[in-house]
Amino acid sequence: MIWSEEARDGAIVAAPKGRIDESTAQDFGTSLEGAVGHAADASARLVVDCAGIDYMSSRGLRALTLAKRKADGAGVRILLAAPNGVVREILAISRYDKLFGVTETVDAALTD
């Protein structure tokens, strides 16, 4: 997994790329929680650009859960943007699409 993030339009936009599974979930979670901290300092909004995520296992979902707890405590809103069909289905089956705002594009998340 490769992680990048930037400040954009008053939000932190994080862009993980690759598979989020048992071998990468810990790094994903650490990066995600760090981005929550950056968002708390900057904007109170974190957009996770999911376009580059090929697959997410239950360990990746757990990392999202832990990041959401931290975000809720810090007053940060996490939005998931542009998931591919596989990731969108995983989010729907796990009902994470009800816990997080999910948008079709990063731009839509930035204006949400």
PDB file of N, CA and C in Angstrom:
ATOM      1  N   MET A   1       0.835  -1.175   0.000  1.00  0.00           N
ATOM      2  CA  MET A   1       0.000   0.000   0.000  1.00  0.00           C
ATOM      3  C   MET A   1       0.883   1.243   0.000  1.00  0.00           C
ATOM      4  N   ILE A   2       0.484   2.192  -0.809  1.00  0.00           N
ATOM      5  CA  ILE A   2       1.163   3.487  -0.880  1.00  0.00           C
ATOM      6  C   ILE A   2       0.194   4.529  -0.349  1.00  0.00           C
ATOM      7  N   TRP A   3       0.686   5.468   0.447  1.00  0.00           N
ATOM      8  CA  TRP A   3      -0.157   6.488   1.057  1.00  0.00           C
ATOM      9  C   TRP A   3       0.342   7.863   0.653  1.00  0.00           C
ATOM     10  N   SER A   4      -0.558   8.740   0.274  1.00  0.00           N
ATOM     11  CA  SER A   4      -0.222  10.153   0.076  1.00  0.00           C
ATOM     12  C   SER A   4      -1.382  10.980   0.595  1.00  0.00           C
ATOM     13  N   GLU A   5      -1.071  12.196   0.997  1.00  0.00           N
ATOM     14  CA  GLU A   5      -2.135  13.094   1.435  1.00  0.00           C
ATOM     15  C   GLU A   5      -1.734  14.526   1.153  1.00  0.00           C
ATOM     16  N   GLU A   6      -2.761  15.362   1.018  1.00  0.00           N
ATOM     17  CA  GLU A   6      -2.533  16.779   0.747  1.00  0.00           C
ATOM     18  C   GLU A   6      -3.687  17.594   1.316  1.00  0.00           C
ATOM     19  N   ALA A   7      -3.409  18.856   1.586  1.00  0.00           N
ATOM     20  CA  ALA A   7      -4.466  19.787   1.956  1.00  0.00           C
ATOM     21  C   ALA A   7      -5.062  20.304   0.655  1.00  0.00           C
ATOM     22  N   ARG A   8      -6.396  20.271   0.573  1.00  0.00           N
ATOM     23  CA  ARG A   8      -7.063  20.710  -0.657  1.00  0.00           C
ATOM     24  C   ARG A   8      -8.448  21.257  -0.329  1.00  0.00           C
ATOM     25  N   ASP A   9      -8.726  22.447  -0.770  1.00  0.00           N
ATOM     26  CA  ASP A   9     -10.048  23.064  -0.605  1.00  0.00           C
ATOM     27  C   ASP A   9     -10.565  22.963   0.832  1.00  0.00           C
ATOM     28  N   GLY A  10      -9.704  23.232   1.779  1.00  0.00           N
ATOM     29  CA  GLY A  10     -10.125  23.248   3.175  1.00  0.00           C
ATOM     30  C   GLY A  10     -10.271  21.885   3.817  1.00  0.00           C
ATOM     31  N   ALA A  11      -9.720  20.854   3.196  1.00  0.00           N
ATOM     32  CA  ALA A  11      -9.810  19.496   3.751  1.00  0.00           C
ATOM     33  C   ALA A  11      -8.459  18.801   3.586  1.00  0.00           C
ATOM     34  N   ILE A  12      -8.297  17.711   4.283  1.00  0.00           N
ATOM     35  CA  ILE A  12      -7.165  16.822   4.047  1.00  0.00           C
ATOM     36  C   ILE A  12      -7.686  15.714   3.133  1.00  0.00           C
ATOM     37  N   VAL A  13      -6.997  15.509   2.006  1.00  0.00           N
ATOM     38  CA  VAL A  13      -7.362  14.445   1.073  1.00  0.00           C
ATOM     39  C   VAL A  13      -6.260  13.393   1.141  1.00  0.00           C
ATOM     40  N   ALA A  14      -6.621  12.201   1.564  1.00  0.00           N
ATOM     41  CA  ALA A  14      -5.692  11.076   1.648  1.00  0.00           C
ATOM     42  C   ALA A  14      -5.974  10.137   0.483  1.00  0.00           C
ATOM     43  N   ALA A  15      -4.901   9.616  -0.116  1.00  0.00           N
ATOM     44  CA  ALA A  15      -5.070   8.748  -1.285  1.00  0.00           C
ATOM     45  C   ALA A  15      -4.243   7.471  -1.133  1.00  0.00           C
ATOM     46  N   PRO A  16      -4.801   6.467  -0.451  1.00  0.00           N
ATOM     47  CA  PRO A  16      -4.115   5.181  -0.378  1.00  0.00           C
ATOM     48  C   PRO A  16      -4.232   4.451  -1.721  1.00  0.00           C
ATOM     49  N   LYS A  17      -3.213   3.682  -2.049  1.00  0.00           N
ATOM     50  CA  LYS A  17      -3.235   2.913  -3.297  1.00  0.00           C
ATOM     51  C   LYS A  17      -2.784   1.486  -3.012  1.00  0.00           C
ATOM     52  N   GLY A  18      -3.479   0.515  -3.619  1.00  0.00           N
ATOM     53  CA  GLY A  18      -3.124  -0.891  -3.469  1.00  0.00           C
ATOM     54  C   GLY A  18      -4.178  -1.663  -2.709  1.00  0.00           C
ATOM     55  N   ARG A  19      -3.778  -2.818  -2.207  1.00  0.00           N
ATOM     56  CA  ARG A  19      -4.672  -3.681  -1.431  1.00  0.00           C
ATOM     57  C   ARG A  19      -4.536  -3.343   0.047  1.00  0.00           C
ATOM     58  N   ILE A  20      -5.663  -3.347   0.735  1.00  0.00           N
ATOM     59  CA  ILE A  20      -5.644  -3.185   2.183  1.00  0.00           C
ATOM     60  C   ILE A  20      -6.113  -4.506   2.757  1.00  0.00           C
ATOM     61  N   ASP A  21      -5.135  -5.276   3.190  1.00  0.00           N
ATOM     62  CA  ASP A  21      -5.403  -6.618   3.694  1.00  0.00           C
ATOM     63  C   ASP A  21      -4.564  -6.844   4.942  1.00  0.00           C
ATOM     64  N   GLU A  22      -4.407  -8.089   5.329  1.00  0.00           N
ATOM     65  CA  GLU A  22      -3.713  -8.411   6.566  1.00  0.00           C
ATOM     66  C   GLU A  22      -2.284  -7.872   6.602  1.00  0.00           C
ATOM     67  N   SER A  23      -1.623  -7.815   5.459  1.00  0.00           N
ATOM     68  CA  SER A  23      -0.222  -7.364   5.440  1.00  0.00           C
ATOM     69  C   SER A  23      -0.084  -5.845   5.415  1.00  0.00           C
ATOM     70  N   THR A  24      -1.134  -5.111   5.064  1.00  0.00           N
ATOM     71  CA  THR A  24      -1.028  -3.654   4.946  1.00  0.00           C
ATOM     72  C   THR A  24      -1.976  -2.893   5.867  1.00  0.00           C
ATOM     73  N   ALA A  25      -2.880  -3.578   6.531  1.00  0.00           N
ATOM     74  CA  ALA A  25      -3.919  -2.905   7.319  1.00  0.00           C
ATOM     75  C   ALA A  25      -3.338  -2.077   8.460  1.00  0.00           C
ATOM     76  N   GLN A  26      -2.277  -2.557   9.087  1.00  0.00           N
ATOM     77  CA  GLN A  26      -1.700  -1.792  10.196  1.00  0.00           C
ATOM     78  C   GLN A  26      -1.133  -0.470   9.699  1.00  0.00           C
ATOM     79  N   ASP A  27      -0.396  -0.489   8.583  1.00  0.00           N
ATOM     80  CA  ASP A  27       0.125   0.753   8.010  1.00  0.00           C
ATOM     81  C   ASP A  27      -1.008   1.671   7.570  1.00  0.00           C
ATOM     82  N   PHE A  28      -2.058   1.089   6.982  1.00  0.00           N
ATOM     83  CA  PHE A  28      -3.231   1.863   6.576  1.00  0.00           C
ATOM     84  C   PHE A  28      -3.840   2.553   7.790  1.00  0.00           C
ATOM     85  N   GLY A  29      -4.034   1.809   8.863  1.00  0.00           N
ATOM     86  CA  GLY A  29      -4.636   2.371  10.071  1.00  0.00           C
ATOM     87  C   GLY A  29      -3.794   3.477  10.682  1.00  0.00           C
ATOM     88  N   THR A  30      -2.491   3.255  10.742  1.00  0.00           N
ATOM     89  CA  THR A  30      -1.591   4.271  11.291  1.00  0.00           C
ATOM     90  C   THR A  30      -1.636   5.536  10.448  1.00  0.00           C
ATOM     91  N   SER A  31      -1.591   5.376   9.137  1.00  0.00           N
ATOM     92  CA  SER A  31      -1.655   6.532   8.238  1.00  0.00           C
ATOM     93  C   SER A  31      -2.991   7.241   8.341  1.00  0.00           C
ATOM     94  N   LEU A  32      -4.058   6.468   8.429  1.00  0.00           N
ATOM     95  CA  LEU A  32      -5.400   7.030   8.525  1.00  0.00           C
ATOM     96  C   LEU A  32      -5.568   7.830   9.818  1.00  0.00           C
ATOM     97  N   GLU A  33      -5.103   7.288  10.924  1.00  0.00           N
ATOM     98  CA  GLU A  33      -5.220   8.004  12.194  1.00  0.00           C
ATOM     99  C   GLU A  33      -4.352   9.262  12.199  1.00  0.00           C
ATOM    100  N   GLY A  34      -3.189   9.203  11.534  1.00  0.00           N
ATOM    101  CA  GLY A  34      -2.362  10.400  11.387  1.00  0.00           C
ATOM    102  C   GLY A  34      -3.077  11.470  10.577  1.00  0.00           C
ATOM    103  N   ALA A  35      -3.766  11.047   9.521  1.00  0.00           N
ATOM    104  CA  ALA A  35      -4.515  11.994   8.689  1.00  0.00           C
ATOM    105  C   ALA A  35      -5.671  12.612   9.469  1.00  0.00           C
ATOM    106  N   VAL A  36      -6.292  11.846  10.359  1.00  0.00           N
ATOM    107  CA  VAL A  36      -7.343  12.399  11.222  1.00  0.00           C
ATOM    108  C   VAL A  36      -6.750  13.521  12.072  1.00  0.00           C
ATOM    109  N   GLY A  37      -5.571  13.301  12.604  1.00  0.00           N
ATOM    110  CA  GLY A  37      -4.895  14.338  13.389  1.00  0.00           C
ATOM    111  C   GLY A  37      -4.596  15.577  12.558  1.00  0.00           C
ATOM    112  N   HIS A  38      -4.153  15.378  11.323  1.00  0.00           N
ATOM    113  CA  HIS A  38      -3.890  16.519  10.441  1.00  0.00           C
ATOM    114  C   HIS A  38      -5.182  17.269  10.140  1.00  0.00           C
ATOM    115  N   ALA A  39      -6.266  16.529   9.925  1.00  0.00           N
ATOM    116  CA  ALA A  39      -7.557  17.164   9.644  1.00  0.00           C
ATOM    117  C   ALA A  39      -8.057  17.942  10.858  1.00  0.00           C
ATOM    118  N   ALA A  40      -7.831  17.409  12.043  1.00  0.00           N
ATOM    119  CA  ALA A  40      -8.261  18.100  13.255  1.00  0.00           C
ATOM    120  C   ALA A  40      -7.520  19.426  13.396  1.00  0.00           C
ATOM    121  N   ASP A  41      -6.261  19.439  13.010  1.00  0.00           N
ATOM    122  CA  ASP A  41      -5.461  20.660  13.084  1.00  0.00           C
ATOM    123  C   ASP A  41      -5.835  21.657  11.995  1.00  0.00           C
ATOM    124  N   ALA A  42      -6.324  21.163  10.851  1.00  0.00           N
ATOM    125  CA  ALA A  42      -6.490  22.019   9.687  1.00  0.00           C
ATOM    126  C   ALA A  42      -7.938  22.351   9.348  1.00  0.00           C
ATOM    127  N   SER A  43      -8.802  21.346   9.285  1.00  0.00           N
ATOM    128  CA  SER A  43     -10.072  21.602   8.617  1.00  0.00           C
ATOM    129  C   SER A  43     -11.285  20.901   9.200  1.00  0.00           C
ATOM    130  N   ALA A  44     -11.072  19.865   9.952  1.00  0.00           N
ATOM    131  CA  ALA A  44     -12.148  19.034  10.498  1.00  0.00           C
ATOM    132  C   ALA A  44     -12.838  18.200   9.430  1.00  0.00           C
ATOM    133  N   ARG A  45     -12.174  18.012   8.274  1.00  0.00           N
ATOM    134  CA  ARG A  45     -12.735  17.130   7.246  1.00  0.00           C
ATOM    135  C   ARG A  45     -11.590  16.323   6.632  1.00  0.00           C
ATOM    136  N   LEU A  46     -11.794  15.007   6.570  1.00  0.00           N
ATOM    137  CA  LEU A  46     -10.833  14.107   5.939  1.00  0.00           C
ATOM    138  C   LEU A  46     -11.555  13.361   4.826  1.00  0.00           C
ATOM    139  N   VAL A  47     -11.034  13.507   3.616  1.00  0.00           N
ATOM    140  CA  VAL A  47     -11.570  12.793   2.468  1.00  0.00           C
ATOM    141  C   VAL A  47     -10.587  11.687   2.121  1.00  0.00           C
ATOM    142  N   VAL A  48     -11.044  10.449   2.132  1.00  0.00           N
ATOM    143  CA  VAL A  48     -10.207   9.322   1.733  1.00  0.00           C
ATOM    144  C   VAL A  48     -10.572   8.981   0.297  1.00  0.00           C
ATOM    145  N   ASP A  49      -9.646   9.250  -0.612  1.00  0.00           N
ATOM    146  CA  ASP A  49      -9.847   8.950  -2.030  1.00  0.00           C
ATOM    147  C   ASP A  49      -9.624   7.448  -2.208  1.00  0.00           C
ATOM    148  N   CYS A  50     -10.701   6.716  -2.365  1.00  0.00           N
ATOM    149  CA  CYS A  50     -10.646   5.255  -2.432  1.00  0.00           C
ATOM    150  C   CYS A  50     -10.399   4.721  -3.838  1.00  0.00           C
ATOM    151  N   ALA A  51     -10.238   5.608  -4.819  1.00  0.00           N
ATOM    152  CA  ALA A  51     -10.091   5.178  -6.213  1.00  0.00           C
ATOM    153  C   ALA A  51      -8.911   4.234  -6.411  1.00  0.00           C
ATOM    154  N   GLY A  52      -7.860   4.395  -5.631  1.00  0.00           N
ATOM    155  CA  GLY A  52      -6.677   3.558  -5.786  1.00  0.00           C
ATOM    156  C   GLY A  52      -6.673   2.294  -4.946  1.00  0.00           C
ATOM    157  N   ILE A  53      -7.740   2.063  -4.180  1.00  0.00           N
ATOM    158  CA  ILE A  53      -7.812   0.863  -3.337  1.00  0.00           C
ATOM    159  C   ILE A  53      -8.401  -0.264  -4.178  1.00  0.00           C
ATOM    160  N   ASP A  54      -7.616  -1.325  -4.374  1.00  0.00           N
ATOM    161  CA  ASP A  54      -8.062  -2.464  -5.165  1.00  0.00           C
ATOM    162  C   ASP A  54      -8.989  -3.392  -4.390  1.00  0.00           C
ATOM    163  N   TYR A  55      -8.739  -3.492  -3.075  1.00  0.00           N
ATOM    164  CA  TYR A  55      -9.460  -4.448  -2.238  1.00  0.00           C
ATOM    165  C   TYR A  55      -9.280  -4.023  -0.793  1.00  0.00           C
ATOM    166  N   MET A  56     -10.286  -4.280   0.050  1.00  0.00           N
ATOM    167  CA  MET A  56     -10.169  -3.996   1.472  1.00  0.00           C
ATOM    168  C   MET A  56     -10.735  -5.176   2.259  1.00  0.00           C
ATOM    169  N   SER A  57      -9.899  -5.743   3.115  1.00  0.00           N
ATOM    170  CA  SER A  57     -10.325  -6.868   3.951  1.00  0.00           C
ATOM    171  C   SER A  57     -10.977  -6.349   5.227  1.00  0.00           C
ATOM    172  N   SER A  58     -11.406  -7.269   6.063  1.00  0.00           N
ATOM    173  CA  SER A  58     -12.010  -6.897   7.342  1.00  0.00           C
ATOM    174  C   SER A  58     -11.015  -6.148   8.225  1.00  0.00           C
ATOM    175  N   ARG A  59      -9.737  -6.413   8.065  1.00  0.00           N
ATOM    176  CA  ARG A  59      -8.724  -5.675   8.835  1.00  0.00           C
ATOM    177  C   ARG A  59      -8.688  -4.212   8.409  1.00  0.00           C
ATOM    178  N   GLY A  60      -8.898  -3.949   7.132  1.00  0.00           N
ATOM    179  CA  GLY A  60      -8.985  -2.573   6.653  1.00  0.00           C
ATOM    180  C   GLY A  60     -10.223  -1.873   7.200  1.00  0.00           C
ATOM    181  N   LEU A  61     -11.332  -2.610   7.266  1.00  0.00           N
ATOM    182  CA  LEU A  61     -12.554  -2.056   7.842  1.00  0.00           C
ATOM    183  C   LEU A  61     -12.355  -1.737   9.318  1.00  0.00           C
ATOM    184  N   ARG A  62     -11.627  -2.596  10.010  1.00  0.00           N
ATOM    185  CA  ARG A  62     -11.342  -2.342  11.428  1.00  0.00           C
ATOM    186  C   ARG A  62     -10.532  -1.055  11.570  1.00  0.00           C
ATOM    187  N   ALA A  63      -9.558  -0.849  10.683  1.00  0.00           N
ATOM    188  CA  ALA A  63      -8.769   0.380  10.716  1.00  0.00           C
ATOM    189  C   ALA A  63      -9.661   1.602  10.501  1.00  0.00           C
ATOM    190  N   LEU A  64     -10.643   1.486   9.605  1.00  0.00           N
ATOM    191  CA  LEU A  64     -11.592   2.580   9.405  1.00  0.00           C
ATOM    192  C   LEU A  64     -12.401   2.843  10.679  1.00  0.00           C
ATOM    193  N   THR A  65     -12.813   1.776  11.358  1.00  0.00           N
ATOM    194  CA  THR A  65     -13.573   1.915  12.598  1.00  0.00           C
ATOM    195  C   THR A  65     -12.772   2.666  13.651  1.00  0.00           C
ATOM    196  N   LEU A  66     -11.526   2.273  13.834  1.00  0.00           N
ATOM    197  CA  LEU A  66     -10.678   2.924  14.831  1.00  0.00           C
ATOM    198  C   LEU A  66     -10.427   4.383  14.474  1.00  0.00           C
ATOM    199  N   ALA A  67     -10.220   4.658  13.186  1.00  0.00           N
ATOM    200  CA  ALA A  67     -10.011   6.042  12.748  1.00  0.00           C
ATOM    201  C   ALA A  67     -11.276   6.865  12.970  1.00  0.00           C
ATOM    202  N   LYS A  68     -12.445   6.257  12.748  1.00  0.00           N
ATOM    203  CA  LYS A  68     -13.708   6.986  12.952  1.00  0.00           C
ATOM    204  C   LYS A  68     -13.881   7.337  14.418  1.00  0.00           C
ATOM    205  N   ARG A  69     -13.521   6.440  15.309  1.00  0.00           N
ATOM    206  CA  ARG A  69     -13.606   6.742  16.744  1.00  0.00           C
ATOM    207  C   ARG A  69     -12.738   7.941  17.089  1.00  0.00           C
ATOM    208  N   LYS A  70     -11.515   7.930  16.576  1.00  0.00           N
ATOM    209  CA  LYS A  70     -10.606   9.045  16.821  1.00  0.00           C
ATOM    210  C   LYS A  70     -11.158  10.319  16.195  1.00  0.00           C
ATOM    211  N   ALA A  71     -11.685  10.222  14.985  1.00  0.00           N
ATOM    212  CA  ALA A  71     -12.235  11.384  14.285  1.00  0.00           C
ATOM    213  C   ALA A  71     -13.429  11.961  15.035  1.00  0.00           C
ATOM    214  N   ASP A  72     -14.324  11.102  15.488  1.00  0.00           N
ATOM    215  CA  ASP A  72     -15.490  11.561  16.229  1.00  0.00           C
ATOM    216  C   ASP A  72     -15.070  12.335  17.479  1.00  0.00           C
ATOM    217  N   GLY A  73     -14.046  11.835  18.165  1.00  0.00           N
ATOM    218  CA  GLY A  73     -13.555  12.508  19.361  1.00  0.00           C
ATOM    219  C   GLY A  73     -12.890  13.842  19.066  1.00  0.00           C
ATOM    220  N   ALA A  74     -12.358  13.977  17.863  1.00  0.00           N
ATOM    221  CA  ALA A  74     -11.657  15.204  17.477  1.00  0.00           C
ATOM    222  C   ALA A  74     -12.536  16.150  16.669  1.00  0.00           C
ATOM    223  N   GLY A  75     -13.793  15.754  16.428  1.00  0.00           N
ATOM    224  CA  GLY A  75     -14.683  16.602  15.645  1.00  0.00           C
ATOM    225  C   GLY A  75     -14.368  16.614  14.159  1.00  0.00           C
ATOM    226  N   VAL A  76     -13.797  15.511  13.664  1.00  0.00           N
ATOM    227  CA  VAL A  76     -13.435  15.394  12.253  1.00  0.00           C
ATOM    228  C   VAL A  76     -14.438  14.505  11.541  1.00  0.00           C
ATOM    229  N   ARG A  77     -14.855  14.923  10.364  1.00  0.00           N
ATOM    230  CA  ARG A  77     -15.757  14.120   9.535  1.00  0.00           C
ATOM    231  C   ARG A  77     -14.928  13.389   8.485  1.00  0.00           C
ATOM    232  N   ILE A  78     -15.102  12.074   8.377  1.00  0.00           N
ATOM    233  CA  ILE A  78     -14.417  11.277   7.366  1.00  0.00           C
ATOM    234  C   ILE A  78     -15.400  10.963   6.246  1.00  0.00           C
ATOM    235  N   LEU A  79     -14.984  11.241   5.016  1.00  0.00           N
ATOM    236  CA  LEU A  79     -15.768  10.914   3.832  1.00  0.00           C
ATOM    237  C   LEU A  79     -14.947   9.973   2.959  1.00  0.00           C
ATOM    238  N   LEU A  80     -15.588   8.977   2.390  1.00  0.00           N
ATOM    239  CA  LEU A  80     -14.940   8.029   1.492  1.00  0.00           C
ATOM    240  C   LEU A  80     -15.365   8.373   0.076  1.00  0.00           C
ATOM    241  N   ALA A  81     -14.394   8.642  -0.788  1.00  0.00           N
ATOM    242  CA  ALA A  81     -14.699   9.113  -2.141  1.00  0.00           C
ATOM    243  C   ALA A  81     -14.229   8.124  -3.199  1.00  0.00           C
ATOM    244  N   ALA A  82     -15.026   7.990  -4.236  1.00  0.00           N
ATOM    245  CA  ALA A  82     -14.677   7.270  -5.467  1.00  0.00           C
ATOM    246  C   ALA A  82     -14.268   5.808  -5.285  1.00  0.00           C
ATOM    247  N   PRO A  83     -14.972   5.043  -4.442  1.00  0.00           N
ATOM    248  CA  PRO A  83     -14.604   3.617  -4.344  1.00  0.00           C
ATOM    249  C   PRO A  83     -14.959   2.887  -5.635  1.00  0.00           C
ATOM    250  N   ASN A  84     -14.105   1.925  -6.013  1.00  0.00           N
ATOM    251  CA  ASN A  84     -14.429   1.111  -7.193  1.00  0.00           C
ATOM    252  C   ASN A  84     -15.557   0.148  -6.826  1.00  0.00           C
ATOM    253  N   GLY A  85     -16.005  -0.641  -7.785  1.00  0.00           N
ATOM    254  CA  GLY A  85     -17.123  -1.540  -7.558  1.00  0.00           C
ATOM    255  C   GLY A  85     -16.891  -2.540  -6.449  1.00  0.00           C
ATOM    256  N   VAL A  86     -15.688  -3.104  -6.377  1.00  0.00           N
ATOM    257  CA  VAL A  86     -15.370  -4.099  -5.347  1.00  0.00           C
ATOM    258  C   VAL A  86     -15.420  -3.463  -3.961  1.00  0.00           C
ATOM    259  N   VAL A  87     -14.761  -2.320  -3.820  1.00  0.00           N
ATOM    260  CA  VAL A  87     -14.726  -1.655  -2.512  1.00  0.00           C
ATOM    261  C   VAL A  87     -16.118  -1.144  -2.142  1.00  0.00           C
ATOM    262  N   ARG A  88     -16.853  -0.640  -3.113  1.00  0.00           N
ATOM    263  CA  ARG A  88     -18.220  -0.171  -2.843  1.00  0.00           C
ATOM    264  C   ARG A  88     -19.080  -1.325  -2.321  1.00  0.00           C
ATOM    265  N   GLU A  89     -18.938  -2.510  -2.906  1.00  0.00           N
ATOM    266  CA  GLU A  89     -19.698  -3.674  -2.446  1.00  0.00           C
ATOM    267  C   GLU A  89     -19.293  -4.072  -1.033  1.00  0.00           C
ATOM    268  N   ILE A  90     -17.999  -4.040  -0.741  1.00  0.00           N
ATOM    269  CA  ILE A  90     -17.512  -4.352   0.609  1.00  0.00           C
ATOM    270  C   ILE A  90     -18.098  -3.370   1.613  1.00  0.00           C
ATOM    271  N   LEU A  91     -18.104  -2.089   1.260  1.00  0.00           N
ATOM    272  CA  LEU A  91     -18.681  -1.074   2.145  1.00  0.00           C
ATOM    273  C   LEU A  91     -20.178  -1.307   2.352  1.00  0.00           C
ATOM    274  N   ALA A  92     -20.878  -1.694   1.298  1.00  0.00           N
ATOM    275  CA  ALA A  92     -22.322  -1.933   1.409  1.00  0.00           C
ATOM    276  C   ALA A  92     -22.626  -3.176   2.249  1.00  0.00           C
ATOM    277  N   ILE A  93     -21.906  -4.263   1.995  1.00  0.00           N
ATOM    278  CA  ILE A  93     -22.147  -5.504   2.736  1.00  0.00           C
ATOM    279  C   ILE A  93     -21.886  -5.310   4.221  1.00  0.00           C
ATOM    280  N   SER A  94     -20.826  -4.575   4.534  1.00  0.00           N
ATOM    281  CA  SER A  94     -20.462  -4.342   5.934  1.00  0.00           C
ATOM    282  C   SER A  94     -21.256  -3.197   6.564  1.00  0.00           C
ATOM    283  N   ARG A  95     -22.053  -2.507   5.740  1.00  0.00           N
ATOM    284  CA  ARG A  95     -22.859  -1.362   6.151  1.00  0.00           C
ATOM    285  C   ARG A  95     -22.014  -0.155   6.536  1.00  0.00           C
ATOM    286  N   TYR A  96     -20.771  -0.146   6.125  1.00  0.00           N
ATOM    287  CA  TYR A  96     -19.918   1.014   6.365  1.00  0.00           C
ATOM    288  C   TYR A  96     -20.354   2.201   5.519  1.00  0.00           C
ATOM    289  N   ASP A  97     -21.108   1.932   4.462  1.00  0.00           N
ATOM    290  CA  ASP A  97     -21.643   3.043   3.673  1.00  0.00           C
ATOM    291  C   ASP A  97     -22.692   3.819   4.468  1.00  0.00           C
ATOM    292  N   LYS A  98     -23.146   3.271   5.595  1.00  0.00           N
ATOM    293  CA  LYS A  98     -24.070   3.976   6.482  1.00  0.00           C
ATOM    294  C   LYS A  98     -23.315   4.742   7.574  1.00  0.00           C
ATOM    295  N   LEU A  99     -22.101   4.307   7.892  1.00  0.00           N
ATOM    296  CA  LEU A  99     -21.288   4.965   8.923  1.00  0.00           C
ATOM    297  C   LEU A  99     -20.518   6.163   8.379  1.00  0.00           C
ATOM    298  N   PHE A 100     -20.123   6.072   7.120  1.00  0.00           N
ATOM    299  CA  PHE A 100     -19.306   7.106   6.489  1.00  0.00           C
ATOM    300  C   PHE A 100     -20.080   7.707   5.323  1.00  0.00           C
ATOM    301  N   GLY A 101     -19.852   8.978   5.060  1.00  0.00           N
ATOM    302  CA  GLY A 101     -20.363   9.552   3.824  1.00  0.00           C
ATOM    303  C   GLY A 101     -19.566   8.958   2.674  1.00  0.00           C
ATOM    304  N   VAL A 102     -20.241   8.472   1.651  1.00  0.00           N
ATOM    305  CA  VAL A 102     -19.576   7.902   0.476  1.00  0.00           C
ATOM    306  C   VAL A 102     -20.019   8.719  -0.733  1.00  0.00           C
ATOM    307  N   THR A 103     -19.043   9.230  -1.494  1.00  0.00           N
ATOM    308  CA  THR A 103     -19.350  10.050  -2.665  1.00  0.00           C
ATOM    309  C   THR A 103     -18.730   9.434  -3.911  1.00  0.00           C
ATOM    310  N   GLU A 104     -19.230   9.842  -5.060  1.00  0.00           N
ATOM    311  CA  GLU A 104     -18.732   9.320  -6.336  1.00  0.00           C
ATOM    312  C   GLU A 104     -17.342   9.857  -6.687  1.00  0.00           C
ATOM    313  N   THR A 105     -17.047  11.087  -6.256  1.00  0.00           N
ATOM    314  CA  THR A 105     -15.771  11.726  -6.597  1.00  0.00           C
ATOM    315  C   THR A 105     -15.203  12.453  -5.389  1.00  0.00           C
ATOM    316  N   VAL A 106     -13.925  12.754  -5.459  1.00  0.00           N
ATOM    317  CA  VAL A 106     -13.283  13.572  -4.408  1.00  0.00           C
ATOM    318  C   VAL A 106     -13.905  14.962  -4.410  1.00  0.00           C
ATOM    319  N   ASP A 107     -14.124  15.531  -5.586  1.00  0.00           N
ATOM    320  CA  ASP A 107     -14.718  16.860  -5.658  1.00  0.00           C
ATOM    321  C   ASP A 107     -16.076  16.910  -4.969  1.00  0.00           C
ATOM    322  N   ALA A 108     -16.881  15.866  -5.145  1.00  0.00           N
ATOM    323  CA  ALA A 108     -18.183  15.811  -4.471  1.00  0.00           C
ATOM    324  C   ALA A 108     -18.008  15.774  -2.954  1.00  0.00           C
ATOM    325  N   ALA A 109     -17.006  15.046  -2.474  1.00  0.00           N
ATOM    326  CA  ALA A 109     -16.743  14.997  -1.029  1.00  0.00           C
ATOM    327  C   ALA A 109     -16.285  16.348  -0.506  1.00  0.00           C
ATOM    328  N   LEU A 110     -15.544  17.080  -1.310  1.00  0.00           N
ATOM    329  CA  LEU A 110     -15.043  18.376  -0.880  1.00  0.00           C
ATOM    330  C   LEU A 110     -16.158  19.414  -0.774  1.00  0.00           C
ATOM    331  N   THR A 111     -17.246  19.208  -1.494  1.00  0.00           N
ATOM    332  CA  THR A 111     -18.365  20.153  -1.438  1.00  0.00           C
ATOM    333  C   THR A 111     -19.502  19.645  -0.559  1.00  0.00           C
ATOM    334  N   ASP A 112     -19.392  18.429  -0.056  1.00  0.00           N
ATOM    335  CA  ASP A 112     -20.438  17.822   0.785  1.00  0.00           C
ATOM    336  C   ASP A 112     -20.502  18.520   2.135  1.00  0.00           C
TER     337      ASP A 112
END
